[in-house]
Amino acid sequence: MSELDIFLSNFTIFVLAILSGFAVISKVPATLHTPLMSGANSIHGIVLVGSMFIAIAANEPIAYLVSFIAVAFATMNVVGGYVVTDRMLQMFRRKPAAPKAEKAEG
């Protein structure tokens, strides 16, 4: 296979992944969007590990820069996923009950 064939094959898979992801996410109701995205962002740790492996193999300055950006964005996405999940779960916690005032005896 030539380099052009490999590129077209990879580009086709990339475009199909974008279209299928958009089709799936657009059908998610608004009430489920936050839990779904926070879970997806926490799973994004796989991308973080992959970007670290790419950073290890970097041997040119531009490769160092791109791998650093990839690690930074993947880290922000993972941390953001956990922050959103924690904030969402705090909405469901019960607030502590206020102490009852004692009646004055008279």
Protein backbone atom coordinates (compact mmCIF):
# COMPACT_ATOMS: atom_id res chain seq x y z
CA MET A 1 0.00 0.00 0.00
CA SER A 2 1.21 3.47 -0.77
CA GLU A 3 1.35 6.25 1.79
CA LEU A 4 -1.64 7.91 0.15
CA ASP A 5 -3.71 4.73 0.53
CA ILE A 6 -2.75 4.46 4.19
CA PHE A 7 -3.60 8.13 4.78
CA LEU A 8 -6.98 7.82 3.05
CA SER A 9 -7.78 4.69 5.04
CA ASN A 10 -6.89 6.36 8.35
CA PHE A 11 -8.70 9.57 7.39
CA THR A 12 -11.84 7.60 6.47
CA ILE A 13 -11.82 5.87 9.85
CA PHE A 14 -11.32 9.24 11.57
CA VAL A 15 -14.27 10.84 9.73
CA LEU A 16 -16.51 7.83 10.43
CA ALA A 17 -15.59 7.98 14.13
CA ILE A 18 -16.53 11.67 14.24
CA LEU A 19 -19.86 11.07 12.50
CA SER A 20 -20.81 8.07 14.64
CA GLY A 21 -19.80 9.88 17.84
CA PHE A 22 -21.88 12.90 16.86
CA ALA A 23 -24.86 10.67 16.04
CA VAL A 24 -24.66 8.91 19.41
CA ILE A 25 -24.09 12.02 21.55
CA SER A 26 -26.79 14.08 19.80
CA LYS A 27 -29.43 11.52 20.82
CA VAL A 28 -28.57 11.68 24.54
CA PRO A 29 -31.18 13.56 26.60
CA ALA A 30 -29.99 16.66 28.45
CA THR A 31 -30.55 15.01 31.86
CA LEU A 32 -28.09 12.24 31.03
CA HIS A 33 -25.49 14.37 29.26
CA THR A 34 -23.47 15.33 32.36
CA PRO A 35 -23.18 11.79 33.81
CA LEU A 36 -22.32 10.37 30.40
CA MET A 37 -19.66 12.96 29.66
CA SER A 38 -18.10 12.83 33.11
CA GLY A 39 -17.78 9.07 32.79
CA ALA A 40 -16.33 9.39 29.30
CA ASN A 41 -13.83 11.97 30.49
CA SER A 42 -12.66 9.76 33.33
CA ILE A 43 -12.15 6.93 30.86
CA HIS A 44 -10.04 9.41 28.88
CA GLY A 45 -7.16 8.23 31.06
CA ILE A 46 -6.41 5.71 28.31
CA VAL A 47 -5.57 8.64 26.03
CA LEU A 48 -3.35 10.05 28.78
CA VAL A 49 -1.39 6.79 28.96
CA GLY A 50 -1.11 6.70 25.17
CA SER A 51 0.14 10.27 25.02
CA MET A 52 2.78 9.42 27.64
CA PHE A 53 3.98 6.50 25.51
CA ILE A 54 4.24 8.84 22.53
CA ALA A 55 6.18 11.33 24.67
CA ILE A 56 8.66 8.60 25.58
CA ALA A 57 9.29 7.87 21.89
CA ALA A 58 9.70 11.55 20.94
CA ASN A 59 13.11 12.42 19.54
CA GLU A 60 12.61 15.82 17.88
CA PRO A 61 11.70 19.21 19.39
CA ILE A 62 8.36 19.37 17.57
CA ALA A 63 7.54 15.85 18.78
CA TYR A 64 8.33 16.92 22.35
CA LEU A 65 6.03 19.92 21.99
CA VAL A 66 3.14 17.97 20.49
CA SER A 67 3.45 15.18 23.05
CA PHE A 68 3.55 17.73 25.89
CA ILE A 69 0.38 19.35 24.58
CA ALA A 70 -1.28 15.93 24.25
CA VAL A 71 -0.36 15.00 27.83
CA ALA A 72 -1.57 18.38 29.12
CA PHE A 73 -4.93 18.18 27.33
CA ALA A 74 -5.50 14.55 28.33
CA THR A 75 -4.69 15.40 31.96
CA MET A 76 -7.10 18.35 31.92
CA ASN A 77 -9.81 16.13 30.47
CA VAL A 78 -9.35 13.42 33.10
CA VAL A 79 -9.28 15.89 36.00
CA GLY A 80 -12.25 17.76 34.55
CA GLY A 81 -14.22 14.53 34.31
CA TYR A 82 -13.68 13.82 38.00
CA VAL A 83 -14.49 17.42 38.98
CA VAL A 84 -17.76 17.33 37.03
CA THR A 85 -18.66 13.95 38.53
CA ASP A 86 -17.96 15.18 42.06
CA ARG A 87 -19.98 18.35 41.52
CA MET A 88 -22.86 16.34 40.09
CA LEU A 89 -22.83 13.93 43.03
CA GLN A 90 -22.84 16.82 45.52
CA MET A 91 -26.23 17.86 44.15
CA PHE A 92 -27.70 14.60 45.45
CA ARG A 93 -26.29 14.78 48.99
CA ARG A 94 -28.66 15.65 51.78
CA LYS A 95 -28.07 18.94 53.50
CA PRO A 96 -27.58 18.66 57.27
CA ALA A 97 -30.76 19.38 59.20
CA ALA A 98 -30.79 22.60 61.18
CA PRO A 99 -30.93 22.09 64.95
CA LYS A 100 -34.41 22.61 66.38
CA ALA A 101 -34.84 25.63 68.61
CA GLU A 102 -35.88 24.77 72.16
CA LYS A 103 -39.13 26.23 73.41
CA ALA A 104 -38.80 28.79 76.13
CA GLU A 105 -40.52 27.73 79.35
CA GLY A 106 -42.67 30.35 80.96
